[in-house]
Amino acid sequence: MTGDNDSFPDPDVIEEEDEFELEEEAIEEPAEAVYENGKGYVASEDADRISQQGFYGNRTDGNRLELEPVELLHLIERKRLIVKRSDGEIIGPDTIVKELLDENPDLWTSYLVFRDLRSRGYAVRQGFGGGIGFRVYARGDRPGVASATQLVYVLKEGVPISLSDLDMVTRTAAGSRKKLVFALVDQNGEVNFYRVAQATLRNHGSDDNGGL
């Protein structure tokens, strides 16, 4: 499979490649995060500047900022975060990906999509299951105040999506009144985005006009 529309799964519901606007993120001095149970926690004194300017993480007890793995990887890469274990050992992205590999074998693929979206200036949150990897917010909107406008489903080149999953995610997007975008990651790690419209599949071999 390639990133071209004519070889993408179920091309009848694929429109033109979606264009995302570019916006630079502010560069911050490194903060520190404690790595626990696959997530990172930034102390309250550094939480504001990480969350408010970049729309990262969620607040927990004690006003700490809880960061998802993809957020940790992105902040490390941008040199805005130093991640340590509770004993003070500094760990890098390779360690995080390796430790979470069994739980989330597609973590690096998801990160490539997350990084691409963030590099274009979008606020991004984790999805809510059902194959939805991320929620993407309109430019200038704040997570927690505004609602996401787009849902992103992550695909790897060579791994097709089933018709049942395609139907499920298109229905999910339509039901939540959000645009659905497929993020296709090729074997070189490049990401292409495709806007998806809801499709109704019918059995043309019978007189039954009901959808499958």
C-alpha atoms as a PDB file:
ATOM      1  CA  MET A   1       0.000   0.000   0.000  1.00  0.00           C
ATOM      2  CA  THR A   2       1.181   3.529  -0.685  1.00  0.00           C
ATOM      3  CA  GLY A   3      -0.054   6.937   0.444  1.00  0.00           C
ATOM      4  CA  ASP A   4      -1.884   7.485  -2.855  1.00  0.00           C
ATOM      5  CA  ASN A   5      -5.659   7.731  -2.739  1.00  0.00           C
ATOM      6  CA  ASP A   6      -6.182   5.028  -5.395  1.00  0.00           C
ATOM      7  CA  SER A   7      -4.529   2.352  -3.245  1.00  0.00           C
ATOM      8  CA  PHE A   8      -6.000   3.430   0.090  1.00  0.00           C
ATOM      9  CA  PRO A   9      -8.589   1.065   1.643  1.00  0.00           C
ATOM     10  CA  ASP A  10     -12.119   1.669   0.314  1.00  0.00           C
ATOM     11  CA  PRO A  11     -11.198   4.638  -1.918  1.00  0.00           C
ATOM     12  CA  ASP A  12     -14.827   5.549  -2.634  1.00  0.00           C
ATOM     13  CA  VAL A  13     -15.068   7.316   0.725  1.00  0.00           C
ATOM     14  CA  ILE A  14     -11.740   9.118   0.485  1.00  0.00           C
ATOM     15  CA  GLU A  15     -11.596  12.740  -0.527  1.00  0.00           C
ATOM     16  CA  GLU A  16      -8.514  14.804  -1.258  1.00  0.00           C
ATOM     17  CA  GLU A  17      -5.548  14.777   1.113  1.00  0.00           C
ATOM     18  CA  ASP A  18      -6.314  17.056   4.054  1.00  0.00           C
ATOM     19  CA  GLU A  19      -4.167  20.138   4.430  1.00  0.00           C
ATOM     20  CA  PHE A  20      -3.198  21.188   7.920  1.00  0.00           C
ATOM     21  CA  GLU A  21      -2.047  24.712   8.697  1.00  0.00           C
ATOM     22  CA  LEU A  22       1.408  25.389  10.041  1.00  0.00           C
ATOM     23  CA  GLU A  23       2.188  27.139  13.279  1.00  0.00           C
ATOM     24  CA  GLU A  24       5.359  27.227  15.320  1.00  0.00           C
ATOM     25  CA  GLU A  25       5.287  26.228  18.988  1.00  0.00           C
ATOM     26  CA  ALA A  26       7.103  28.253  21.568  1.00  0.00           C
ATOM     27  CA  ILE A  27      10.468  26.866  22.704  1.00  0.00           C
ATOM     28  CA  GLU A  28      10.624  26.315  26.476  1.00  0.00           C
ATOM     29  CA  GLU A  29      13.418  25.659  28.934  1.00  0.00           C
ATOM     30  CA  PRO A  30      13.425  21.970  29.938  1.00  0.00           C
ATOM     31  CA  ALA A  31      11.144  20.976  32.768  1.00  0.00           C
ATOM     32  CA  GLU A  32      11.384  17.683  34.655  1.00  0.00           C
ATOM     33  CA  ALA A  33       8.905  14.827  34.634  1.00  0.00           C
ATOM     34  CA  VAL A  34       8.825  11.704  36.789  1.00  0.00           C
ATOM     35  CA  TYR A  35       8.114   8.536  34.801  1.00  0.00           C
ATOM     36  CA  GLU A  36       5.580   6.272  36.504  1.00  0.00           C
ATOM     37  CA  ASN A  37       3.452   3.459  35.058  1.00  0.00           C
ATOM     38  CA  GLY A  38       3.997   4.506  31.461  1.00  0.00           C
ATOM     39  CA  LYS A  39       3.179   8.177  31.942  1.00  0.00           C
ATOM     40  CA  GLY A  40       5.051  11.309  32.956  1.00  0.00           C
ATOM     41  CA  TYR A  41       4.211  13.642  35.811  1.00  0.00           C
ATOM     42  CA  VAL A  42       5.371  17.260  35.931  1.00  0.00           C
ATOM     43  CA  ALA A  43       5.366  19.019  39.302  1.00  0.00           C
ATOM     44  CA  SER A  44       2.972  21.929  39.830  1.00  0.00           C
ATOM     45  CA  GLU A  45       5.717  24.580  39.590  1.00  0.00           C
ATOM     46  CA  ASP A  46       6.457  23.595  35.980  1.00  0.00           C
ATOM     47  CA  ALA A  47       3.006  22.347  34.993  1.00  0.00           C
ATOM     48  CA  ASP A  48       1.570  25.702  33.951  1.00  0.00           C
ATOM     49  CA  ARG A  49       4.184  26.594  31.369  1.00  0.00           C
ATOM     50  CA  ILE A  50       4.069  23.128  29.800  1.00  0.00           C
ATOM     51  CA  SER A  51       0.286  22.820  29.674  1.00  0.00           C
ATOM     52  CA  GLN A  52      -0.846  26.363  28.944  1.00  0.00           C
ATOM     53  CA  GLN A  53       1.515  27.224  26.113  1.00  0.00           C
ATOM     54  CA  GLY A  54       1.456  23.837  24.427  1.00  0.00           C
ATOM     55  CA  PHE A  55      -1.883  22.337  25.527  1.00  0.00           C
ATOM     56  CA  TYR A  56      -0.202  19.203  26.845  1.00  0.00           C
ATOM     57  CA  GLY A  57      -1.419  16.803  29.516  1.00  0.00           C
ATOM     58  CA  ASN A  58      -4.142  16.712  32.127  1.00  0.00           C
ATOM     59  CA  ARG A  59      -4.088  17.950  35.716  1.00  0.00           C
ATOM     60  CA  THR A  60      -4.112  15.427  38.566  1.00  0.00           C
ATOM     61  CA  ASP A  61      -4.119  15.600  42.347  1.00  0.00           C
ATOM     62  CA  GLY A  62      -1.649  18.114  43.697  1.00  0.00           C
ATOM     63  CA  ASN A  63      -1.875  20.126  40.471  1.00  0.00           C
ATOM     64  CA  ARG A  64       0.629  17.843  38.764  1.00  0.00           C
ATOM     65  CA  LEU A  65       0.500  17.518  34.982  1.00  0.00           C
ATOM     66  CA  GLU A  66      -0.004  13.981  33.660  1.00  0.00           C
ATOM     67  CA  LEU A  67       1.501  13.383  30.218  1.00  0.00           C
ATOM     68  CA  GLU A  68       0.678  10.580  27.798  1.00  0.00           C
ATOM     69  CA  PRO A  69       3.575   8.595  26.236  1.00  0.00           C
ATOM     70  CA  VAL A  70       3.324  10.407  22.872  1.00  0.00           C
ATOM     71  CA  GLU A  71       3.465  13.735  24.712  1.00  0.00           C
ATOM     72  CA  LEU A  72       6.554  12.620  26.617  1.00  0.00           C
ATOM     73  CA  LEU A  73       8.294  11.596  23.394  1.00  0.00           C
ATOM     74  CA  HIS A  74       7.438  14.886  21.720  1.00  0.00           C
ATOM     75  CA  LEU A  75       8.551  17.075  24.612  1.00  0.00           C
ATOM     76  CA  ILE A  76      11.826  15.146  24.933  1.00  0.00           C
ATOM     77  CA  GLU A  77      12.507  15.556  21.222  1.00  0.00           C
ATOM     78  CA  ARG A  78      11.805  19.291  21.424  1.00  0.00           C
ATOM     79  CA  LYS A  79      14.172  19.533  24.432  1.00  0.00           C
ATOM     80  CA  ARG A  80      11.396  20.896  26.597  1.00  0.00           C
ATOM     81  CA  LEU A  81      11.390  18.004  29.049  1.00  0.00           C
ATOM     82  CA  ILE A  82      13.810  15.797  30.948  1.00  0.00           C
ATOM     83  CA  VAL A  83      12.256  12.513  32.056  1.00  0.00           C
ATOM     84  CA  LYS A  84      13.500  10.708  35.162  1.00  0.00           C
ATOM     85  CA  ARG A  85      12.545   7.656  37.133  1.00  0.00           C
ATOM     86  CA  SER A  86      11.651   8.065  40.790  1.00  0.00           C
ATOM     87  CA  ASP A  87      15.267   7.188  41.690  1.00  0.00           C
ATOM     88  CA  GLY A  88      16.576  10.060  39.556  1.00  0.00           C
ATOM     89  CA  GLU A  89      17.743   8.009  36.540  1.00  0.00           C
ATOM     90  CA  ILE A  90      17.291   9.968  33.306  1.00  0.00           C
ATOM     91  CA  ILE A  91      15.579   7.986  30.551  1.00  0.00           C
ATOM     92  CA  GLY A  92      15.178   8.712  26.849  1.00  0.00           C
ATOM     93  CA  PRO A  93      12.567   7.964  24.187  1.00  0.00           C
ATOM     94  CA  ASP A  94      14.080   4.579  23.273  1.00  0.00           C
ATOM     95  CA  THR A  95      13.568   3.346  26.829  1.00  0.00           C
ATOM     96  CA  ILE A  96       9.984   4.594  26.951  1.00  0.00           C
ATOM     97  CA  VAL A  97       9.064   2.968  23.631  1.00  0.00           C
ATOM     98  CA  LYS A  98      10.787  -0.317  24.570  1.00  0.00           C
ATOM     99  CA  GLU A  99       9.075  -0.539  27.958  1.00  0.00           C
ATOM    100  CA  LEU A 100       5.626   0.115  26.483  1.00  0.00           C
ATOM    101  CA  LEU A 101       6.081  -2.100  23.412  1.00  0.00           C
ATOM    102  CA  ASP A 102       4.054  -5.036  24.739  1.00  0.00           C
ATOM    103  CA  GLU A 103       1.218  -2.806  25.911  1.00  0.00           C
ATOM    104  CA  ASN A 104       1.217  -0.579  22.831  1.00  0.00           C
ATOM    105  CA  PRO A 105       3.124  -2.045  19.859  1.00  0.00           C
ATOM    106  CA  ASP A 106       1.994   0.864  17.662  1.00  0.00           C
ATOM    107  CA  LEU A 107       3.249   3.590  19.997  1.00  0.00           C
ATOM    108  CA  TRP A 108       5.963   4.817  17.630  1.00  0.00           C
ATOM    109  CA  THR A 109       3.530   4.938  14.700  1.00  0.00           C
ATOM    110  CA  SER A 110       1.079   6.939  16.795  1.00  0.00           C
ATOM    111  CA  TYR A 111       3.867   9.238  17.866  1.00  0.00           C
ATOM    112  CA  LEU A 112       4.817  10.003  14.267  1.00  0.00           C
ATOM    113  CA  VAL A 113       1.245  11.146  13.638  1.00  0.00           C
ATOM    114  CA  PHE A 114       1.120  13.133  16.869  1.00  0.00           C
ATOM    115  CA  ARG A 115       4.428  14.827  16.071  1.00  0.00           C
ATOM    116  CA  ASP A 116       3.276  15.743  12.575  1.00  0.00           C
ATOM    117  CA  LEU A 117       0.058  17.295  13.856  1.00  0.00           C
ATOM    118  CA  ARG A 118       1.855  19.222  16.592  1.00  0.00           C
ATOM    119  CA  SER A 119       4.502  20.470  14.156  1.00  0.00           C
ATOM    120  CA  ARG A 120       1.649  22.027  12.188  1.00  0.00           C
ATOM    121  CA  GLY A 121       0.458  23.942  15.246  1.00  0.00           C
ATOM    122  CA  TYR A 122      -2.536  21.868  16.298  1.00  0.00           C
ATOM    123  CA  ALA A 123      -3.571  21.030  19.853  1.00  0.00           C
ATOM    124  CA  VAL A 124      -3.980  17.245  20.020  1.00  0.00           C
ATOM    125  CA  ARG A 125      -5.517  14.940  22.611  1.00  0.00           C
ATOM    126  CA  GLN A 126      -5.685  11.162  22.871  1.00  0.00           C
ATOM    127  CA  GLY A 127      -8.673   9.519  21.218  1.00  0.00           C
ATOM    128  CA  PHE A 128     -11.498   7.849  23.082  1.00  0.00           C
ATOM    129  CA  GLY A 129     -11.246   4.267  21.826  1.00  0.00           C
ATOM    130  CA  GLY A 130     -12.995   2.604  18.925  1.00  0.00           C
ATOM    131  CA  GLY A 131      -9.884   3.012  16.792  1.00  0.00           C
ATOM    132  CA  ILE A 132      -9.804   6.787  17.145  1.00  0.00           C
ATOM    133  CA  GLY A 133      -6.176   7.655  17.898  1.00  0.00           C
ATOM    134  CA  PHE A 134      -6.395  11.412  18.390  1.00  0.00           C
ATOM    135  CA  ARG A 135      -8.747  14.342  18.705  1.00  0.00           C
ATOM    136  CA  VAL A 136      -7.609  17.494  16.894  1.00  0.00           C
ATOM    137  CA  TYR A 137      -8.771  20.996  17.778  1.00  0.00           C
ATOM    138  CA  ALA A 138      -9.354  23.977  15.515  1.00  0.00           C
ATOM    139  CA  ARG A 139      -6.584  26.546  15.445  1.00  0.00           C
ATOM    140  CA  GLY A 140      -6.810  28.761  18.513  1.00  0.00           C
ATOM    141  CA  ASP A 141      -9.188  26.468  20.416  1.00  0.00           C
ATOM    142  CA  ARG A 142      -8.232  25.234  23.882  1.00  0.00           C
ATOM    143  CA  PRO A 143      -8.812  21.608  24.926  1.00  0.00           C
ATOM    144  CA  GLY A 144     -11.147  21.519  27.894  1.00  0.00           C
ATOM    145  CA  VAL A 145     -12.844  24.710  26.728  1.00  0.00           C
ATOM    146  CA  ALA A 146     -13.708  23.929  23.108  1.00  0.00           C
ATOM    147  CA  SER A 147     -14.501  20.579  21.523  1.00  0.00           C
ATOM    148  CA  ALA A 148     -12.292  18.816  19.005  1.00  0.00           C
ATOM    149  CA  THR A 149     -13.278  19.324  15.379  1.00  0.00           C
ATOM    150  CA  GLN A 150     -11.492  16.324  13.831  1.00  0.00           C
ATOM    151  CA  LEU A 151     -10.932  12.694  14.785  1.00  0.00           C
ATOM    152  CA  VAL A 152      -7.801  10.953  13.540  1.00  0.00           C
ATOM    153  CA  TYR A 153      -7.615   7.234  12.827  1.00  0.00           C
ATOM    154  CA  VAL A 154      -4.022   5.965  12.545  1.00  0.00           C
ATOM    155  CA  LEU A 155      -3.101   3.417   9.866  1.00  0.00           C
ATOM    156  CA  LYS A 156       0.189   1.746   8.958  1.00  0.00           C
ATOM    157  CA  GLU A 157       1.132   1.061   5.363  1.00  0.00           C
ATOM    158  CA  GLY A 158       0.374  -2.558   4.489  1.00  0.00           C
ATOM    159  CA  VAL A 159      -2.137  -3.016   7.319  1.00  0.00           C
ATOM    160  CA  PRO A 160      -5.677  -2.683   5.899  1.00  0.00           C
ATOM    161  CA  ILE A 161      -8.713  -1.489   7.784  1.00  0.00           C
ATOM    162  CA  SER A 162     -11.683  -3.851   7.773  1.00  0.00           C
ATOM    163  CA  LEU A 163     -15.034  -2.744   6.404  1.00  0.00           C
ATOM    164  CA  SER A 164     -16.590  -3.184   9.852  1.00  0.00           C
ATOM    165  CA  ASP A 165     -13.958  -0.936  11.460  1.00  0.00           C
ATOM    166  CA  LEU A 166     -14.352   1.594   8.648  1.00  0.00           C
ATOM    167  CA  ASP A 167     -18.092   1.663   9.212  1.00  0.00           C
ATOM    168  CA  MET A 168     -17.626   1.971  12.971  1.00  0.00           C
ATOM    169  CA  VAL A 169     -15.248   4.934  12.850  1.00  0.00           C
ATOM    170  CA  THR A 170     -17.254   6.795  10.203  1.00  0.00           C
ATOM    171  CA  ARG A 171     -20.385   6.353  12.303  1.00  0.00           C
ATOM    172  CA  THR A 172     -18.511   7.508  15.403  1.00  0.00           C
ATOM    173  CA  ALA A 173     -17.363  10.663  13.646  1.00  0.00           C
ATOM    174  CA  ALA A 174     -20.791  11.345  12.173  1.00  0.00           C
ATOM    175  CA  GLY A 175     -22.480  10.776  15.525  1.00  0.00           C
ATOM    176  CA  SER A 176     -20.158  13.232  17.234  1.00  0.00           C
ATOM    177  CA  ARG A 177     -20.407  15.722  14.347  1.00  0.00           C
ATOM    178  CA  LYS A 178     -16.670  15.738  13.766  1.00  0.00           C
ATOM    179  CA  LYS A 179     -14.607  15.342  10.626  1.00  0.00           C
ATOM    180  CA  LEU A 180     -12.826  12.025  10.264  1.00  0.00           C
ATOM    181  CA  VAL A 181      -9.248  11.943   9.011  1.00  0.00           C
ATOM    182  CA  PHE A 182      -7.123   8.883   8.269  1.00  0.00           C
ATOM    183  CA  ALA A 183      -3.419   9.290   9.041  1.00  0.00           C
ATOM    184  CA  LEU A 184      -1.481   6.797   6.912  1.00  0.00           C
ATOM    185  CA  VAL A 185       2.115   6.184   8.019  1.00  0.00           C
ATOM    186  CA  ASP A 186       4.306   4.657   5.318  1.00  0.00           C
ATOM    187  CA  GLN A 187       7.377   2.460   5.750  1.00  0.00           C
ATOM    188  CA  ASN A 188       9.643   5.535   5.747  1.00  0.00           C
ATOM    189  CA  GLY A 189       7.749   7.110   8.640  1.00  0.00           C
ATOM    190  CA  GLU A 190       6.086   9.745   6.466  1.00  0.00           C
ATOM    191  CA  VAL A 191       2.500  10.672   7.290  1.00  0.00           C
ATOM    192  CA  ASN A 192      -0.269  11.430   4.795  1.00  0.00           C
ATOM    193  CA  PHE A 193      -3.713  12.642   5.826  1.00  0.00           C
ATOM    194  CA  TYR A 194      -6.977  11.776   4.088  1.00  0.00           C
ATOM    195  CA  ARG A 195     -10.422  13.192   4.797  1.00  0.00           C
ATOM    196  CA  VAL A 196     -13.079  10.484   5.079  1.00  0.00           C
ATOM    197  CA  ALA A 197     -16.808  10.786   4.408  1.00  0.00           C
ATOM    198  CA  GLN A 198     -19.427   8.396   5.732  1.00  0.00           C
ATOM    199  CA  ALA A 199     -20.462   5.695   3.278  1.00  0.00           C
ATOM    200  CA  THR A 200     -23.450   3.366   3.257  1.00  0.00           C
ATOM    201  CA  LEU A 201     -22.631  -0.077   1.805  1.00  0.00           C
ATOM    202  CA  ARG A 202     -25.472  -1.917   0.111  1.00  0.00           C
ATOM    203  CA  ASN A 203     -25.949  -5.444  -1.184  1.00  0.00           C
ATOM    204  CA  HIS A 204     -26.586  -4.923  -4.911  1.00  0.00           C
ATOM    205  CA  GLY A 205     -27.100  -8.654  -5.495  1.00  0.00           C
ATOM    206  CA  SER A 206     -30.520  -8.792  -3.846  1.00  0.00           C
ATOM    207  CA  ASP A 207     -33.714  -6.819  -3.538  1.00  0.00           C
ATOM    208  CA  ASP A 208     -32.822  -5.870   0.040  1.00  0.00           C
ATOM    209  CA  ASN A 209     -31.882  -2.185   0.083  1.00  0.00           C
ATOM    210  CA  GLY A 210     -30.810  -2.140   3.712  1.00  0.00           C
ATOM    211  CA  GLY A 211     -27.258  -1.202   4.598  1.00  0.00           C
ATOM    212  CA  LEU A 212     -24.824  -3.925   5.583  1.00  0.00           C
END
